Amino acid sequence: MQRYSVMSLARNALSHHEGWQQAWRSPDPKPEYDAIIVGGGGHGLATAYYLAKEHGITNVAVVEAGWIGGGNTGRNTTVVRSNYLFPESAAFYDFSLKLFENMSRDLNFNIMLRQAGMLMLMHSRHDAEVMRRNINAMHMNGVDAEWIDTDEIIGMAPGINCNPDARHPIVGGILQKRGGVARHDGVAWAYARAADALGVDIIQQCAVTGFDIKDGRVQGVQTSRGNIKAKKVAIAVAGHSSVLADMAGFRLPVTSMALQACVTEPLKPVFDVVIMSAATGVYISQSDKGEMVIGGGLDLYPSYAQRGNIGTLEQIVAGILDLFPGLSRVKLMRQWAGIVDIVHDSTPILGHTPVDGIYINCGFGTGGFKATSGGGWTLAYTVANDRPHKMNEAFTLKRFETGAFIDEMGAAGISH
């Protein structure tokens, strides 16, 4: 085993990574590609990777205005799960979860997936009635889910307030054991490195400023680093989807809102499971560093501000203290917001757009991270074959013409 002295460690700590091998290349844009992916977050990088791996399309560029994973990929709360209600959603999210389960091995990169379970709390008789229907739907859709009582919840989450006189008494819960958390930036880095190894160009600091469109068909993109030709362009830019759509001359049925979260100072291990409470409007998990990662609700007004606000923070803290009074003296360390695309039926938009050759991945609302792999896989299929896969054919823009909505508010309405 190679040994390092204290001075060697200090010298390397101050070296700014000189001499380190790059995980992926930083090429200049080529004049033309077979496909361009706009957005260097998890969904965009996954799309590029699956285009190369599954469909053999390697002449691909990922163009990112900032840096890889610097948008919502680095601003989420890392939850993965598939406990959705409708068959279309369950099939998609469970497929995505299965890709997560094999991602570290497939991409040769530790994404630190921890499947300690996703626990949805029930606080009333009404909650219990709704959850009975939900768990039946999950079982019919082939998604794992278990009904657990308060004694089991206390064993899983020491310190949780199961007092029957609590403001929100806990009467039970539904547990998806395969749910959990993964390292968000690790997922982006894994896809970036794997895509690069297959020949994909990852071009950072390259903002898209417009699209070249002729006779209703895309010819390429205009960027801050020059024009790039391509017959196929996929947009995967999370909360800024409507901005890119406007550049291309069409509108999307989405509203951009800020979704807030915060973390506490590190603590010794308290619990492993992710805990969600719709009644209090919060959810919580403990990171591998010991921080309590806490999520709340949307700001409920259109915004592109990637910062928190005091009103929402107060609601988050109040909800957490209802569940865990013992955390009252724990210090908050950071607060932030990500910008998310909210769609009327809480179901994503994956597929074609009104412009031939332009495809879209958006509308995941408050739960885009868990769909990173599935969103990338299905969008890559759609781009490669110019038709949606069975898993995303119900998620296209056509449902806004036909009215065939998939109202997943019950499963997607909580903010993760």
Protein backbone atom coordinates (compact mmCIF):
# COMPACT_ATOMS: atom_id res chain seq x y z
CA MET A 1 0.00 0.00 0.00
CA GLN A 2 1.35 3.40 -0.96
CA ARG A 3 1.97 5.68 2.03
CA TYR A 4 1.81 9.45 2.15
CA SER A 5 3.51 11.75 4.63
CA VAL A 6 1.74 14.66 6.26
CA MET A 7 3.74 17.05 4.09
CA SER A 8 2.80 15.12 0.96
CA LEU A 9 -0.87 15.31 1.84
CA ALA A 10 -0.60 19.03 2.56
CA ARG A 11 1.25 19.65 -0.70
CA ASN A 12 -1.38 17.83 -2.74
CA ALA A 13 -4.19 19.57 -0.88
CA LEU A 14 -2.80 22.93 -2.04
CA SER A 15 -1.91 21.81 -5.56
CA HIS A 16 -5.19 22.80 -7.26
CA HIS A 17 -5.12 19.31 -8.84
CA GLU A 18 -2.14 19.94 -11.13
CA GLY A 19 -1.16 16.72 -12.84
CA TRP A 20 -4.45 14.98 -12.10
CA GLN A 21 -5.94 13.06 -15.01
CA GLN A 22 -9.19 14.61 -16.23
CA ALA A 23 -12.30 12.48 -15.77
CA TRP A 24 -13.58 13.65 -19.16
CA ARG A 25 -12.23 15.76 -22.02
CA SER A 26 -12.96 19.45 -22.55
CA PRO A 27 -13.00 19.68 -26.36
CA ASP A 28 -13.87 22.63 -28.54
CA PRO A 29 -17.18 22.29 -30.38
CA LYS A 30 -17.06 20.61 -33.77
CA PRO A 31 -18.90 22.27 -36.67
CA GLU A 32 -21.50 19.48 -36.80
CA TYR A 33 -22.81 16.54 -34.77
CA ASP A 34 -25.39 13.84 -35.32
CA ALA A 35 -27.14 15.00 -32.16
CA ILE A 36 -26.78 17.81 -29.64
CA ILE A 37 -27.97 17.55 -26.04
CA VAL A 38 -28.68 20.92 -24.45
CA GLY A 39 -28.10 20.64 -20.72
CA GLY A 40 -25.19 19.09 -18.83
CA GLY A 41 -27.12 17.86 -15.82
CA GLY A 42 -27.95 14.27 -14.99
CA HIS A 43 -30.73 13.89 -17.56
CA GLY A 44 -28.72 15.41 -20.41
CA LEU A 45 -25.60 13.38 -19.64
CA ALA A 46 -27.64 10.20 -19.28
CA THR A 47 -29.28 10.87 -22.65
CA ALA A 48 -25.87 11.25 -24.31
CA TYR A 49 -24.54 8.11 -22.64
CA TYR A 50 -27.49 5.94 -23.67
CA LEU A 51 -27.43 7.34 -27.21
CA ALA A 52 -23.84 6.11 -27.47
CA LYS A 53 -24.17 2.86 -25.52
CA GLU A 54 -27.60 1.62 -26.58
CA HIS A 55 -27.89 3.08 -30.07
CA GLY A 56 -24.30 3.49 -31.29
CA ILE A 57 -24.69 7.23 -31.88
CA THR A 58 -21.39 8.62 -30.61
CA ASN A 59 -21.05 11.81 -32.65
CA VAL A 60 -22.88 13.66 -29.91
CA ALA A 61 -22.25 16.92 -28.05
CA VAL A 62 -23.55 17.87 -24.62
CA VAL A 63 -23.56 21.67 -24.37
CA GLU A 64 -23.82 23.22 -20.93
CA ALA A 65 -24.04 26.94 -20.14
CA GLY A 66 -22.25 26.48 -16.82
CA TRP A 67 -20.54 23.41 -15.49
CA ILE A 68 -21.52 19.74 -15.37
CA GLY A 69 -24.11 19.10 -12.69
CA GLY A 70 -24.24 22.75 -11.64
CA GLY A 71 -27.99 23.16 -11.97
CA ASN A 72 -30.74 21.09 -10.39
CA THR A 73 -28.54 17.99 -10.37
CA GLY A 74 -26.50 19.61 -7.61
CA ARG A 75 -29.51 21.22 -5.91
CA ASN A 76 -31.80 18.30 -5.16
CA THR A 77 -32.18 16.13 -2.08
CA THR A 78 -30.92 12.86 -3.63
CA VAL A 79 -34.04 10.71 -3.09
CA VAL A 80 -34.74 7.73 -5.37
CA ARG A 81 -38.00 5.76 -5.30
CA SER A 82 -40.70 4.30 -7.55
CA ASN A 83 -43.82 4.18 -5.35
CA TYR A 84 -46.13 5.85 -7.89
CA LEU A 85 -49.82 5.22 -8.48
CA PHE A 86 -50.62 4.93 -12.18
CA PRO A 87 -49.27 2.05 -14.31
CA GLU A 88 -47.48 4.40 -16.72
CA SER A 89 -45.66 6.20 -13.91
CA ALA A 90 -44.89 3.04 -11.96
CA ALA A 91 -43.35 1.33 -14.99
CA PHE A 92 -41.20 4.36 -15.80
CA TYR A 93 -39.95 5.14 -12.30
CA ASP A 94 -39.34 1.50 -11.39
CA PHE A 95 -37.29 1.08 -14.57
CA SER A 96 -35.32 4.16 -13.56
CA LEU A 97 -34.77 2.76 -10.06
CA LYS A 98 -33.50 -0.50 -11.53
CA LEU A 99 -30.98 1.46 -13.59
CA PHE A 100 -29.89 3.22 -10.38
CA GLU A 101 -29.48 -0.14 -8.66
CA ASN A 102 -26.97 -1.26 -11.30
CA MET A 103 -25.41 2.12 -12.07
CA SER A 104 -22.26 1.87 -9.94
CA ARG A 105 -21.36 -1.42 -11.61
CA ASP A 106 -22.43 -0.46 -15.13
CA LEU A 107 -20.63 2.89 -15.11
CA ASN A 108 -17.73 1.80 -12.87
CA PHE A 109 -18.33 4.73 -10.54
CA ASN A 110 -19.59 4.61 -6.96
CA ILE A 111 -22.80 6.68 -6.86
CA MET A 112 -23.19 5.83 -3.15
CA LEU A 113 -26.68 4.40 -3.55
CA ARG A 114 -28.13 3.58 -0.13
CA GLN A 115 -31.43 1.70 -0.34
CA ALA A 116 -32.44 2.02 3.30
CA GLY A 117 -36.09 2.56 2.41
CA MET A 118 -38.61 5.30 1.68
CA LEU A 119 -41.21 5.73 4.44
CA MET A 120 -44.43 7.64 3.76
CA LEU A 121 -46.16 8.55 7.04
CA MET A 122 -49.89 8.52 7.70
CA HIS A 123 -51.36 10.99 10.18
CA SER A 124 -55.12 10.43 10.11
CA ARG A 125 -57.92 8.05 9.22
CA HIS A 126 -58.21 9.86 5.90
CA ASP A 127 -54.50 9.26 5.22
CA ALA A 128 -54.93 5.58 6.02
CA GLU A 129 -57.86 5.21 3.62
CA VAL A 130 -55.97 6.90 0.82
CA MET A 131 -52.82 4.91 1.53
CA ARG A 132 -54.73 1.61 1.40
CA ARG A 133 -55.72 2.45 -2.15
CA ASN A 134 -52.18 3.59 -2.92
CA ILE A 135 -50.48 0.45 -1.66
CA ASN A 136 -52.94 -1.72 -3.59
CA ALA A 137 -52.12 0.24 -6.73
CA MET A 138 -48.38 -0.19 -6.10
CA HIS A 139 -48.76 -3.95 -5.68
CA MET A 140 -50.84 -4.18 -8.85
CA ASN A 141 -48.10 -2.25 -10.67
CA GLY A 142 -45.38 -4.58 -9.38
CA VAL A 143 -43.82 -2.00 -7.05
CA ASP A 144 -42.66 -3.18 -3.63
CA ALA A 145 -44.50 -1.59 -0.68
CA GLU A 146 -45.23 -2.64 2.90
CA TRP A 147 -47.79 -1.45 5.44
CA ILE A 148 -46.09 -0.79 8.81
CA ASP A 149 -47.39 0.26 12.22
CA THR A 150 -46.16 2.88 14.67
CA ASP A 151 -44.01 0.43 16.67
CA GLU A 152 -42.08 -0.45 13.52
CA ILE A 153 -41.74 3.26 12.68
CA ILE A 154 -40.30 4.00 16.12
CA GLY A 155 -37.76 1.23 15.60
CA MET A 156 -36.74 2.61 12.21
CA ALA A 157 -36.62 6.28 13.23
CA PRO A 158 -35.52 6.84 16.85
CA GLY A 159 -36.77 10.15 18.21
CA ILE A 160 -39.79 10.41 15.94
CA ASN A 161 -42.86 11.87 17.62
CA CYS A 162 -45.46 9.10 17.78
CA ASN A 163 -47.32 10.69 20.69
CA PRO A 164 -51.09 10.34 19.99
CA ASP A 165 -51.54 13.92 21.24
CA ALA A 166 -49.06 15.32 18.73
CA ARG A 167 -50.17 18.03 16.32
CA HIS A 168 -49.86 15.46 13.54
CA PRO A 169 -50.20 12.04 15.23
CA ILE A 170 -48.61 9.18 13.31
CA VAL A 171 -50.94 6.24 12.70
CA GLY A 172 -48.77 4.15 10.38
CA GLY A 173 -46.82 4.27 7.17
CA ILE A 174 -45.99 2.70 3.82
CA LEU A 175 -42.42 1.57 3.29
CA GLN A 176 -40.72 0.98 -0.05
CA LYS A 177 -37.56 -0.87 0.93
CA ARG A 178 -35.89 -0.27 -2.43
CA GLY A 179 -36.19 3.50 -2.01
CA GLY A 180 -33.33 5.54 -0.64
CA VAL A 181 -30.71 8.09 -1.63
CA ALA A 182 -27.76 8.39 -4.02
CA ARG A 183 -24.93 10.87 -4.44
CA HIS A 184 -26.37 13.46 -6.87
CA ASP A 185 -23.15 14.86 -8.28
CA GLY A 186 -21.71 11.35 -8.39
CA VAL A 187 -24.48 10.37 -10.78
CA ALA A 188 -23.63 13.29 -13.07
CA TRP A 189 -19.90 12.53 -12.94
CA ALA A 190 -20.52 8.84 -13.63
CA TYR A 191 -22.58 9.55 -16.74
CA ALA A 192 -20.15 12.26 -17.90
CA ARG A 193 -17.11 10.00 -17.66
CA ALA A 194 -18.88 7.05 -19.28
CA ALA A 195 -20.28 9.17 -22.12
CA ASP A 196 -16.89 10.74 -22.76
CA ALA A 197 -15.27 7.30 -22.92
CA LEU A 198 -17.72 6.41 -25.71
CA GLY A 199 -16.73 9.51 -27.72
CA VAL A 200 -19.33 12.07 -26.62
CA ASP A 201 -18.05 15.67 -26.48
CA ILE A 202 -18.92 17.45 -23.23
CA ILE A 203 -18.69 21.19 -23.83
CA GLN A 204 -19.01 23.38 -20.75
CA GLN A 205 -19.34 27.17 -20.59
CA CYS A 206 -21.29 27.00 -23.84
CA ALA A 207 -24.67 28.70 -23.57
CA VAL A 208 -27.33 28.11 -26.21
CA THR A 209 -28.58 31.47 -27.48
CA GLY A 210 -30.90 30.30 -30.26
CA PHE A 211 -31.83 27.61 -32.75
CA ASP A 212 -31.36 27.43 -36.50
CA ILE A 213 -34.73 26.29 -37.86
CA LYS A 214 -35.68 26.03 -41.53
CA ASP A 215 -39.10 25.00 -42.85
CA GLY A 216 -40.11 23.77 -39.39
CA ARG A 217 -37.05 21.56 -38.91
CA VAL A 218 -34.00 22.17 -36.74
CA GLN A 219 -30.65 22.64 -38.47
CA GLY A 220 -28.52 23.33 -35.41
CA VAL A 221 -28.00 25.55 -32.39
CA GLN A 222 -26.53 28.98 -31.86
CA THR A 223 -24.20 29.16 -28.87
CA SER A 224 -21.84 31.53 -27.11
CA ARG A 225 -19.04 29.54 -28.74
CA GLY A 226 -20.42 29.66 -32.27
CA ASN A 227 -23.06 27.89 -34.33
CA ILE A 228 -23.16 24.09 -34.29
CA LYS A 229 -25.07 22.06 -36.87
CA ALA A 230 -27.19 19.03 -36.00
CA LYS A 231 -30.35 17.43 -37.37
CA LYS A 232 -31.41 16.30 -33.91
CA VAL A 233 -31.41 18.40 -30.75
CA ALA A 234 -32.60 17.26 -27.32
CA ILE A 235 -33.39 19.78 -24.58
CA ALA A 236 -32.88 18.69 -20.96
CA VAL A 237 -32.53 21.87 -18.91
CA ALA A 238 -34.92 21.31 -15.99
CA GLY A 239 -36.36 24.59 -14.70
CA HIS A 240 -35.36 26.58 -17.78
CA SER A 241 -37.18 24.41 -20.32
CA SER A 242 -39.67 27.12 -21.23
CA VAL A 243 -36.81 29.54 -21.93
CA LEU A 244 -35.27 27.18 -24.49
CA ALA A 245 -38.69 26.37 -25.94
CA ASP A 246 -39.33 30.07 -26.45
CA MET A 247 -36.04 30.34 -28.35
CA ALA A 248 -37.25 27.52 -30.62
CA GLY A 249 -40.64 29.19 -31.17
CA PHE A 250 -43.04 27.02 -29.17
CA ARG A 251 -44.62 27.11 -25.72
CA LEU A 252 -44.63 24.49 -22.99
CA PRO A 253 -47.40 23.92 -20.42
CA VAL A 254 -44.96 24.34 -17.53
CA THR A 255 -44.34 26.91 -14.82
CA SER A 256 -40.89 27.40 -13.28
CA MET A 257 -40.84 27.58 -9.48
CA ALA A 258 -38.22 27.41 -6.76
CA LEU A 259 -38.09 24.27 -4.63
CA GLN A 260 -36.39 24.72 -1.28
CA ALA A 261 -34.22 22.54 0.91
CA CYS A 262 -31.66 22.85 3.69
CA VAL A 263 -29.15 20.78 5.67
CA THR A 264 -28.13 20.75 9.31
CA GLU A 265 -24.76 20.36 10.93
CA PRO A 266 -23.47 16.76 10.91
CA LEU A 267 -24.79 14.44 13.61
CA LYS A 268 -23.99 10.90 14.65
CA PRO A 269 -26.14 8.30 12.85
CA VAL A 270 -29.80 8.66 13.81
CA PHE A 271 -31.70 6.76 11.10
CA ASP A 272 -31.14 5.39 7.61
CA VAL A 273 -34.60 5.56 6.09
CA VAL A 274 -35.96 8.53 4.11
CA ILE A 275 -39.06 9.85 5.89
CA MET A 276 -41.80 11.79 4.13
CA SER A 277 -44.83 13.45 5.70
CA ALA A 278 -47.42 14.96 3.38
CA ALA A 279 -49.35 16.45 6.31
CA THR A 280 -46.39 18.51 7.51
CA GLY A 281 -45.15 19.11 3.96
CA VAL A 282 -41.57 18.00 4.66
CA TYR A 283 -39.26 15.04 4.28
CA ILE A 284 -35.91 14.20 5.81
CA SER A 285 -32.96 11.88 5.38
CA GLN A 286 -29.48 11.68 6.89
CA SER A 287 -26.51 11.94 4.54
CA ASP A 288 -23.38 9.83 4.74
CA LYS A 289 -21.66 12.85 6.29
CA GLY A 290 -24.27 12.94 9.05
CA GLU A 291 -26.15 16.03 7.88
CA MET A 292 -29.92 16.03 8.09
CA VAL A 293 -31.10 16.78 4.55
CA ILE A 294 -34.51 18.44 4.78
CA GLY A 295 -36.88 19.29 1.96
CA GLY A 296 -39.99 21.40 1.89
CA GLY A 297 -42.48 22.73 -0.59
CA LEU A 298 -42.55 24.98 -3.62
CA ASP A 299 -42.59 28.74 -3.28
CA LEU A 300 -45.82 28.68 -5.35
CA TYR A 301 -44.92 31.66 -7.48
CA PRO A 302 -42.90 31.70 -10.71
CA SER A 303 -39.21 32.30 -10.06
CA TYR A 304 -35.70 31.57 -11.29
CA ALA A 305 -34.07 32.50 -7.97
CA GLN A 306 -31.80 29.69 -6.78
CA ARG A 307 -31.98 30.74 -3.15
CA GLY A 308 -34.14 30.12 -0.14
CA ASN A 309 -36.44 32.47 1.72
CA ILE A 310 -37.33 32.87 5.37
CA GLY A 311 -41.05 32.09 5.03
CA THR A 312 -40.48 28.69 3.44
CA LEU A 313 -37.64 27.94 5.86
CA GLU A 314 -39.96 28.59 8.80
CA GLN A 315 -42.51 26.14 7.36
CA ILE A 316 -39.82 23.51 6.83
CA VAL A 317 -38.45 23.86 10.36
CA ALA A 318 -41.94 23.77 11.90
CA GLY A 319 -42.78 20.59 10.01
CA ILE A 320 -39.55 18.84 10.99
CA LEU A 321 -39.93 19.75 14.65
CA ASP A 322 -43.44 18.30 14.60
CA LEU A 323 -41.85 15.00 13.59
CA PHE A 324 -38.56 15.22 15.50
CA PRO A 325 -38.75 17.60 18.49
CA GLY A 326 -35.26 16.49 19.55
CA LEU A 327 -33.73 18.33 16.57
CA SER A 328 -34.80 21.74 17.91
CA ARG A 329 -31.27 22.79 18.91
CA VAL A 330 -29.51 21.45 15.82
CA LYS A 331 -27.90 24.17 13.69
CA LEU A 332 -28.88 24.75 10.08
CA MET A 333 -25.82 25.04 7.84
CA ARG A 334 -27.10 25.74 4.33
CA GLN A 335 -30.32 26.62 2.55
CA TRP A 336 -30.89 26.67 -1.19
CA ALA A 337 -33.44 26.26 -3.97
CA GLY A 338 -33.57 24.51 -7.32
CA ILE A 339 -35.74 25.63 -10.23
CA VAL A 340 -38.25 23.01 -11.31
CA ASP A 341 -40.77 22.63 -14.13
CA ILE A 342 -44.29 22.22 -12.76
CA VAL A 343 -46.85 20.55 -15.04
CA HIS A 344 -50.61 20.49 -14.42
CA ASP A 345 -50.79 16.72 -13.91
CA SER A 346 -47.44 16.28 -12.09
CA THR A 347 -46.22 14.03 -14.89
CA PRO A 348 -43.14 14.70 -17.04
CA ILE A 349 -42.99 15.65 -20.70
CA LEU A 350 -40.72 13.34 -22.70
CA GLY A 351 -40.70 13.26 -26.47
CA HIS A 352 -41.21 15.31 -29.62
CA THR A 353 -41.87 19.03 -29.82
CA PRO A 354 -43.66 21.07 -32.53
CA VAL A 355 -40.28 21.55 -34.24
CA ASP A 356 -39.09 18.54 -36.22
CA GLY A 357 -35.83 17.24 -34.82
CA ILE A 358 -36.17 18.91 -31.42
CA TYR A 359 -37.00 16.68 -28.48
CA ILE A 360 -37.72 17.63 -24.88
CA ASN A 361 -37.17 16.21 -21.41
CA CYS A 362 -38.88 18.36 -18.77
CA GLY A 363 -41.75 18.65 -16.34
CA PHE A 364 -40.45 16.30 -13.66
CA GLY A 365 -41.41 18.92 -11.13
CA THR A 366 -40.15 18.17 -7.65
CA GLY A 367 -38.85 14.68 -8.45
CA GLY A 368 -36.42 14.85 -11.35
CA PHE A 369 -33.42 13.24 -9.68
CA LYS A 370 -35.01 9.81 -9.24
CA ALA A 371 -35.85 9.87 -12.96
CA THR A 372 -32.32 10.73 -14.13
CA SER A 373 -31.56 7.32 -15.57
CA GLY A 374 -35.04 6.56 -16.90
CA GLY A 375 -35.42 10.03 -18.39
CA GLY A 376 -32.08 9.75 -20.16
CA TRP A 377 -32.76 6.22 -21.39
CA THR A 378 -36.19 6.96 -22.84
CA LEU A 379 -35.15 10.28 -24.39
CA ALA A 380 -32.16 8.58 -26.03
CA TYR A 381 -34.51 5.96 -27.48
CA THR A 382 -36.85 8.66 -28.75
CA VAL A 383 -34.03 10.65 -30.38
CA ALA A 384 -32.43 7.58 -31.95
CA ASN A 385 -35.66 6.09 -33.32
CA ASP A 386 -37.69 9.29 -33.81
CA ARG A 387 -40.55 7.75 -31.86
CA PRO A 388 -41.25 7.39 -28.15
CA HIS A 389 -40.59 4.19 -26.27
CA LYS A 390 -43.58 2.45 -24.71
CA MET A 391 -42.47 3.80 -21.30
CA ASN A 392 -42.72 7.44 -22.37
CA GLU A 393 -45.42 7.36 -25.05
CA ALA A 394 -47.97 8.53 -22.47
CA PHE A 395 -45.67 11.37 -21.37
CA THR A 396 -45.56 13.29 -24.66
CA LEU A 397 -47.07 16.69 -25.40
CA LYS A 398 -49.96 14.96 -27.20
CA ARG A 399 -51.73 14.39 -23.89
CA PHE A 400 -52.38 18.12 -23.69
CA GLU A 401 -54.25 17.86 -26.98
CA THR A 402 -56.23 14.74 -26.09
CA GLY A 403 -56.74 15.37 -22.36
CA ALA A 404 -55.23 11.97 -21.45
CA PHE A 405 -53.59 13.28 -18.29
CA ILE A 406 -51.87 11.14 -15.66
CA ASP A 407 -52.56 12.96 -12.41
CA GLU A 408 -49.74 11.87 -10.11
CA MET A 409 -50.20 14.64 -7.54
CA GLY A 410 -50.74 12.04 -4.83
CA ALA A 411 -47.30 10.53 -5.39
CA ALA A 412 -45.37 13.46 -6.87
CA GLY A 413 -46.90 16.36 -4.96
CA ILE A 414 -44.42 16.11 -2.12
CA SER A 415 -41.16 17.84 -2.90
CA HIS A 416 -38.61 15.24 -3.90
